[in-house]
Amino acid sequence: MAKIISMKALLESGVHFGHRTNRWNPKMAEYIFTERNGIHIIDLQQTVHAIKEVYGIVSQAVSDGGEILFVGTKRQAQQTVADEAERCGMPYVNERWLGGSLTNWPTISKRIAELERLEKMQESGEVDLLTKKEGLMIQRQIDRLHHRLSGLITMKRVPKLLFVVDIGREQAAIHEANLLKIPVIAMADTNYDPRYIDYVIPSNDDAIRAIKLIVGTMANAVLEGKSAREEEEEEAQAAAEALPAKKSQRKASKAVADASDLSDEELLGAATLKKMSDEREAAEAVAAAEEKAVEEKAEEEAPKTEEAAAKDTAAEAAAAEEKAE
């Protein structure tokens, strides 16, 4: 794994700048390094540690099939939250938080379905067939729903984690997540109480560069989790494709083994076995007849051969006598 985040990047983005000392919340004391010119300085060692911990949690949650809901409705965070959430394919809220977005998810999901239905009507040209007034009403309804719900269209169920940019501004979202026991990850500045946050990332939550850095890192964690999930799915698919071949091989081996245990009659059938036996007996009879004919012919020719040999011997003897005289 590449380096998740560096101290230099945090410093350059101004993550270490907290609020003025007269606006601090004592419950953030453990995350404060020092005070400089009336401003609290955040301990970046703790920030780095927190980001690394959260990075692994987010990546694992996505790898397991979960969704992360990004929430950032303050002006400095709106564009970054939308861009980074869309980059990693996760739902987000960057306009006003709708009460019940988590605790009343069935109703919210129906509104999303209604938005999708109206948009399909518009794309198919059905709206053009309506009167001008009806078409205008539908367009206004689409605009209103899209403004409120556009970031939630991809959310198919209650998220596994909630990531918020500003604790104070997103208290309603945090409260709903706490009720449903959804873990909350938050950028926590020095002016708010972090007690209701499960994973605190001590950070400046007002500077645009700081927000971009932290939110971008969370998006990277999501992408890494998705990549790990895709690899697992590919491996599972390859294993599933290999399984039928192994089963076929085992079946073939079993069939061969079973066949070796069967009798000839069970393998070939009684009729086939009788036919083969008859053919074999006929072939043996033909071979025996041919062998007998050869033997009889040899017996007939044997006396003639002996007589010829005797004549040859007598002739040789006569010739020898003549030569001796």
Protein backbone atom coordinates (compact mmCIF):
# COMPACT_ATOMS: atom_id res chain seq x y z
CA MET A 1 0.00 0.00 0.00
CA ALA A 2 1.27 3.49 -0.87
CA LYS A 3 1.73 6.06 1.88
CA ILE A 4 -1.74 7.17 2.94
CA ILE A 5 -0.92 10.75 3.96
CA SER A 6 2.15 12.74 4.93
CA MET A 7 2.80 15.27 7.66
CA LYS A 8 4.03 17.70 5.01
CA ALA A 9 0.72 17.53 3.12
CA LEU A 10 -1.19 18.20 6.35
CA LEU A 11 0.98 21.22 7.16
CA GLU A 12 0.73 22.65 3.65
CA SER A 13 -3.07 22.33 3.74
CA GLY A 14 -3.35 24.06 7.11
CA VAL A 15 -4.92 21.08 8.83
CA HIS A 16 -3.15 22.01 12.08
CA PHE A 17 -4.87 25.39 12.55
CA GLY A 18 -7.66 25.24 15.12
CA HIS A 19 -9.96 28.02 16.33
CA ARG A 20 -9.15 30.92 18.59
CA THR A 21 -8.50 29.92 22.17
CA ASN A 22 -11.58 31.76 23.43
CA ARG A 23 -13.81 29.54 21.26
CA TRP A 24 -12.37 26.17 22.14
CA ASN A 25 -14.20 23.18 23.62
CA PRO A 26 -12.31 21.63 26.56
CA LYS A 27 -13.28 18.15 25.37
CA MET A 28 -10.89 18.67 22.42
CA ALA A 29 -7.97 19.32 24.78
CA GLU A 30 -6.34 15.93 24.15
CA TYR A 31 -6.01 16.75 20.44
CA ILE A 32 -4.42 20.18 20.93
CA PHE A 33 -0.63 20.45 20.64
CA THR A 34 -0.10 24.06 21.70
CA GLU A 35 -1.35 27.63 21.41
CA ARG A 36 0.16 30.23 19.09
CA ASN A 37 -0.94 33.88 18.77
CA GLY A 38 -4.27 33.12 20.38
CA ILE A 39 -4.98 30.12 18.09
CA HIS A 40 -4.91 26.48 19.10
CA ILE A 41 -2.58 24.23 17.09
CA ILE A 42 -3.82 20.70 16.48
CA ASP A 43 -1.51 17.75 17.19
CA LEU A 44 -0.85 16.41 13.69
CA GLN A 45 0.71 13.22 15.03
CA GLN A 46 -2.74 12.26 16.28
CA THR A 47 -4.28 13.40 12.99
CA VAL A 48 -1.98 11.12 10.98
CA HIS A 49 -2.70 8.19 13.30
CA ALA A 50 -6.47 8.79 13.10
CA ILE A 51 -6.45 9.03 9.29
CA LYS A 52 -4.51 5.77 8.96
CA GLU A 53 -6.92 3.99 11.30
CA VAL A 54 -10.01 5.34 9.54
CA TYR A 55 -8.53 4.60 6.11
CA GLY A 56 -8.37 0.90 6.93
CA ILE A 57 -11.87 0.89 8.43
CA VAL A 58 -13.40 2.58 5.37
CA SER A 59 -11.54 0.34 2.94
CA GLN A 60 -12.63 -2.82 4.77
CA ALA A 61 -16.25 -1.67 5.02
CA VAL A 62 -16.42 -1.06 1.27
CA SER A 63 -14.62 -4.33 0.55
CA ASP A 64 -17.36 -6.08 2.55
CA GLY A 65 -20.01 -4.45 0.35
CA GLY A 66 -20.93 -1.49 2.57
CA GLU A 67 -21.59 2.11 1.57
CA ILE A 68 -20.15 5.33 3.06
CA LEU A 69 -22.35 8.42 3.21
CA PHE A 70 -20.38 11.67 2.83
CA VAL A 71 -21.96 14.71 4.51
CA GLY A 72 -20.72 18.28 4.16
CA THR A 73 -23.28 21.07 3.81
CA LYS A 74 -21.13 24.08 4.70
CA ARG A 75 -20.17 26.32 1.80
CA GLN A 76 -16.45 25.43 1.90
CA ALA A 77 -17.20 21.70 1.73
CA GLN A 78 -20.12 21.43 -0.70
CA GLN A 79 -18.21 21.15 -3.98
CA THR A 80 -15.43 18.96 -2.58
CA VAL A 81 -17.89 16.53 -0.99
CA ALA A 82 -19.83 16.21 -4.25
CA ASP A 83 -16.71 15.79 -6.40
CA GLU A 84 -14.98 13.23 -4.18
CA ALA A 85 -18.12 11.21 -3.44
CA GLU A 86 -18.90 11.00 -7.17
CA ARG A 87 -15.27 10.06 -7.89
CA CYS A 88 -15.49 7.04 -5.61
CA GLY A 89 -19.13 6.26 -6.40
CA MET A 90 -20.61 6.88 -2.95
CA PRO A 91 -23.76 8.77 -1.87
CA TYR A 92 -23.48 12.24 -0.37
CA VAL A 93 -25.40 15.16 1.11
CA ASN A 94 -24.02 18.62 0.36
CA GLU A 95 -27.23 20.63 0.69
CA ARG A 96 -29.50 20.86 3.73
CA TRP A 97 -29.79 17.57 5.64
CA LEU A 98 -33.30 16.17 5.29
CA GLY A 99 -34.61 14.96 8.63
CA GLY A 100 -35.15 11.21 8.52
CA SER A 101 -32.61 10.57 5.76
CA LEU A 102 -31.37 7.68 7.89
CA THR A 103 -34.03 7.01 10.52
CA ASN A 104 -36.86 7.23 7.98
CA TRP A 105 -34.99 5.74 5.05
CA PRO A 106 -38.01 3.86 3.55
CA THR A 107 -39.79 7.20 2.97
CA ILE A 108 -36.66 8.86 1.57
CA SER A 109 -36.10 5.90 -0.76
CA LYS A 110 -39.65 6.34 -2.10
CA ARG A 111 -38.92 9.98 -2.87
CA ILE A 112 -35.77 8.91 -4.72
CA ALA A 113 -37.81 6.39 -6.71
CA GLU A 114 -40.30 9.16 -7.55
CA LEU A 115 -37.46 11.38 -8.78
CA GLU A 116 -36.14 8.58 -10.99
CA ARG A 117 -39.64 7.97 -12.38
CA LEU A 118 -40.16 11.63 -13.27
CA GLU A 119 -36.72 11.86 -14.88
CA LYS A 120 -37.50 8.80 -17.03
CA MET A 121 -40.77 10.42 -18.11
CA GLN A 122 -38.83 13.49 -19.13
CA GLU A 123 -36.21 11.49 -21.04
CA SER A 124 -38.82 9.38 -22.88
CA GLY A 125 -40.75 12.47 -24.02
CA GLU A 126 -43.91 11.71 -22.03
CA VAL A 127 -43.78 15.16 -20.42
CA ASP A 128 -43.98 16.77 -23.86
CA LEU A 129 -47.41 15.18 -24.37
CA LEU A 130 -48.82 16.96 -21.31
CA THR A 131 -50.17 20.48 -21.16
CA LYS A 132 -47.72 23.31 -20.64
CA LYS A 133 -48.91 23.80 -17.06
CA GLU A 134 -48.59 20.10 -16.17
CA GLY A 135 -45.15 19.93 -17.74
CA LEU A 136 -44.03 22.98 -15.78
CA MET A 137 -45.29 21.46 -12.51
CA ILE A 138 -43.41 18.23 -13.18
CA GLN A 139 -40.23 20.16 -14.02
CA ARG A 140 -40.47 22.09 -10.75
CA GLN A 141 -40.98 18.86 -8.84
CA ILE A 142 -37.94 17.31 -10.54
CA ASP A 143 -35.82 20.37 -9.74
CA ARG A 144 -36.91 20.36 -6.09
CA LEU A 145 -36.29 16.64 -5.58
CA HIS A 146 -33.02 16.73 -7.47
CA HIS A 147 -31.77 19.63 -5.36
CA ARG A 148 -32.48 17.72 -2.17
CA LEU A 149 -31.82 14.12 -3.17
CA SER A 150 -29.39 14.07 -6.11
CA GLY A 151 -26.51 12.87 -3.94
CA LEU A 152 -28.58 10.04 -2.45
CA ILE A 153 -29.75 8.51 -5.73
CA THR A 154 -27.00 5.87 -5.64
CA MET A 155 -27.76 4.90 -2.02
CA LYS A 156 -29.73 1.64 -2.04
CA ARG A 157 -29.75 0.99 1.71
CA VAL A 158 -28.72 2.54 5.03
CA PRO A 159 -24.95 3.21 4.90
CA LYS A 160 -22.42 1.29 6.91
CA LEU A 161 -20.45 4.42 7.86
CA LEU A 162 -21.13 8.16 8.02
CA PHE A 163 -18.39 10.70 7.25
CA VAL A 164 -19.02 14.35 8.17
CA VAL A 165 -16.91 17.46 7.66
CA ASP A 166 -18.23 19.71 10.44
CA ILE A 167 -19.50 18.30 13.76
CA GLY A 168 -21.44 21.41 14.72
CA ARG A 169 -23.19 21.88 11.39
CA GLU A 170 -24.07 18.20 10.89
CA GLN A 171 -25.50 17.47 14.35
CA ALA A 172 -28.80 16.22 12.90
CA ALA A 173 -27.03 13.66 10.69
CA ILE A 174 -24.80 12.58 13.57
CA HIS A 175 -27.83 12.18 15.86
CA GLU A 176 -29.63 9.92 13.37
CA ALA A 177 -26.49 7.82 12.88
CA ASN A 178 -26.11 7.46 16.65
CA LEU A 179 -29.73 6.28 16.94
CA LEU A 180 -29.12 3.60 14.30
CA LYS A 181 -25.68 2.76 15.73
CA ILE A 182 -23.97 3.69 12.46
CA PRO A 183 -20.30 4.53 13.18
CA VAL A 184 -19.50 8.20 12.57
CA ILE A 185 -16.20 9.50 11.20
CA ALA A 186 -15.73 13.26 11.49
CA MET A 187 -13.27 16.06 10.93
CA ALA A 188 -13.22 17.62 14.41
CA ASP A 189 -12.07 21.19 14.93
CA THR A 190 -11.16 22.59 18.35
CA ASN A 191 -14.51 24.31 18.95
CA TYR A 192 -16.87 21.28 19.18
CA ASP A 193 -17.59 18.34 21.47
CA PRO A 194 -16.38 15.07 19.86
CA ARG A 195 -18.11 12.72 22.30
CA TYR A 196 -20.70 11.52 19.79
CA ILE A 197 -18.11 10.73 17.15
CA ASP A 198 -16.80 7.17 16.87
CA TYR A 199 -13.66 8.05 14.89
CA VAL A 200 -12.31 11.56 15.41
CA ILE A 201 -9.96 13.12 12.84
CA PRO A 202 -8.56 16.24 14.56
CA SER A 203 -8.48 18.81 11.79
CA ASN A 204 -9.20 22.30 10.63
CA ASP A 205 -12.71 21.99 9.17
CA ASP A 206 -12.93 25.49 7.68
CA ALA A 207 -10.01 25.66 5.22
CA ILE A 208 -10.92 24.43 1.73
CA ARG A 209 -7.48 22.85 1.20
CA ALA A 210 -7.74 20.93 4.47
CA ILE A 211 -11.22 19.69 3.56
CA LYS A 212 -10.05 18.61 0.09
CA LEU A 213 -7.12 16.69 1.53
CA ILE A 214 -9.08 14.76 4.17
CA VAL A 215 -12.17 14.08 2.05
CA GLY A 216 -9.96 13.06 -0.90
CA THR A 217 -8.11 10.59 1.34
CA MET A 218 -11.42 9.04 2.43
CA ALA A 219 -12.43 8.71 -1.24
CA ASN A 220 -9.12 6.94 -1.93
CA ALA A 221 -9.90 4.49 0.86
CA VAL A 222 -13.26 3.76 -0.76
CA LEU A 223 -11.64 3.12 -4.14
CA GLU A 224 -9.10 0.77 -2.56
CA GLY A 225 -11.91 -1.15 -0.88
CA LYS A 226 -13.78 -1.44 -4.18
CA SER A 227 -10.66 -2.71 -5.91
CA ALA A 228 -10.17 -5.37 -3.23
CA ARG A 229 -13.81 -6.43 -3.58
CA GLU A 230 -13.51 -6.74 -7.37
CA GLU A 231 -10.42 -8.93 -6.99
CA GLU A 232 -12.26 -11.19 -4.52
CA GLU A 233 -15.23 -11.48 -6.89
CA GLU A 234 -12.95 -12.35 -9.83
CA GLU A 235 -11.22 -15.05 -7.77
CA ALA A 236 -14.58 -16.44 -6.66
CA GLN A 237 -15.82 -16.48 -10.26
CA ALA A 238 -12.69 -18.26 -11.46
CA ALA A 239 -13.09 -20.84 -8.71
CA ALA A 240 -16.76 -21.33 -9.62
CA GLU A 241 -15.87 -21.83 -13.30
CA ALA A 242 -13.19 -24.36 -12.40
CA LEU A 243 -15.56 -26.35 -10.16
CA PRO A 244 -17.71 -27.93 -12.95
CA ALA A 245 -14.57 -29.16 -14.75
CA LYS A 246 -13.33 -30.81 -11.57
CA LYS A 247 -16.74 -32.37 -10.99
CA SER A 248 -16.82 -33.74 -14.55
CA GLN A 249 -13.35 -35.19 -14.12
CA ARG A 250 -14.37 -36.85 -10.86
CA LYS A 251 -17.53 -38.24 -12.50
CA ALA A 252 -15.52 -39.65 -15.41
CA SER A 253 -13.04 -41.30 -13.03
CA LYS A 254 -15.91 -42.74 -11.02
CA ALA A 255 -17.57 -44.06 -14.18
CA VAL A 256 -14.35 -45.82 -15.23
CA ALA A 257 -13.97 -47.30 -11.77
CA ASP A 258 -17.58 -48.45 -11.73
CA ALA A 259 -17.24 -49.95 -15.21
CA SER A 260 -14.27 -52.05 -14.13
CA ASP A 261 -16.44 -53.62 -11.43
CA LEU A 262 -19.19 -54.71 -13.88
CA SER A 263 -19.41 -58.14 -15.57
CA ASP A 264 -19.28 -58.54 -19.36
CA GLU A 265 -23.00 -59.19 -19.49
CA GLU A 266 -23.74 -56.03 -17.43
CA LEU A 267 -21.52 -53.93 -19.67
CA LEU A 268 -22.48 -55.32 -23.12
CA GLY A 269 -25.84 -56.93 -22.61
CA ALA A 270 -26.79 -60.61 -23.07
CA ALA A 271 -27.69 -60.33 -26.78
CA THR A 272 -24.45 -58.58 -27.73
CA LEU A 273 -22.43 -61.02 -25.68
CA LYS A 274 -24.11 -64.06 -27.41
CA LYS A 275 -23.51 -62.54 -30.84
CA MET A 276 -19.83 -62.03 -30.05
CA SER A 277 -19.59 -65.63 -28.76
CA ASP A 278 -21.19 -67.04 -31.95
CA GLU A 279 -18.84 -65.01 -34.14
CA ARG A 280 -15.85 -66.21 -32.16
CA GLU A 281 -16.96 -69.92 -32.45
CA ALA A 282 -17.52 -69.56 -36.21
CA ALA A 283 -14.06 -68.05 -36.65
CA GLU A 284 -12.51 -70.88 -34.62
CA ALA A 285 -14.36 -73.49 -36.76
CA VAL A 286 -13.07 -71.94 -40.00
CA ALA A 287 -9.52 -71.85 -38.63
CA ALA A 288 -9.75 -75.53 -37.58
CA ALA A 289 -11.04 -76.58 -41.04
CA GLU A 290 -8.22 -74.75 -42.79
CA GLU A 291 -5.64 -76.35 -40.50
CA LYS A 292 -7.10 -79.83 -41.17
CA ALA A 293 -6.99 -79.30 -44.96
CA VAL A 294 -3.33 -78.31 -44.76
CA GLU A 295 -2.49 -81.45 -42.76
CA GLU A 296 -4.33 -83.74 -45.22
CA LYS A 297 -2.55 -82.22 -48.18
CA ALA A 298 0.79 -82.68 -46.45
CA GLU A 299 -0.01 -86.36 -45.81
CA GLU A 300 -0.92 -86.93 -49.49
CA GLU A 301 2.32 -85.39 -50.73
CA ALA A 302 4.59 -87.22 -48.25
CA PRO A 303 4.79 -90.68 -50.14
CA LYS A 304 5.52 -88.95 -53.43
CA THR A 305 8.34 -87.08 -51.84
CA GLU A 306 9.85 -90.27 -50.38
CA GLU A 307 9.62 -92.11 -53.76
CA ALA A 308 11.33 -89.23 -55.54
CA ALA A 309 14.05 -89.17 -52.92
CA ALA A 310 14.65 -92.96 -53.38
CA LYS A 311 14.92 -92.55 -57.15
CA ASP A 312 17.43 -89.76 -56.70
CA THR A 313 19.50 -91.93 -54.36
CA ALA A 314 19.51 -94.89 -56.82
CA ALA A 315 20.54 -92.64 -59.68
CA GLU A 316 23.39 -91.22 -57.67
CA ALA A 317 24.58 -94.75 -56.76
CA ALA A 318 24.49 -95.88 -60.41
CA ALA A 319 26.44 -92.86 -61.45
CA ALA A 320 29.03 -93.55 -58.80
CA GLU A 321 29.45 -97.18 -60.01
CA GLU A 322 29.91 -96.10 -63.62
CA LYS A 323 32.54 -93.64 -62.57
CA ALA A 324 34.36 -96.32 -60.56
CA GLU A 325 34.51 -98.68 -63.59
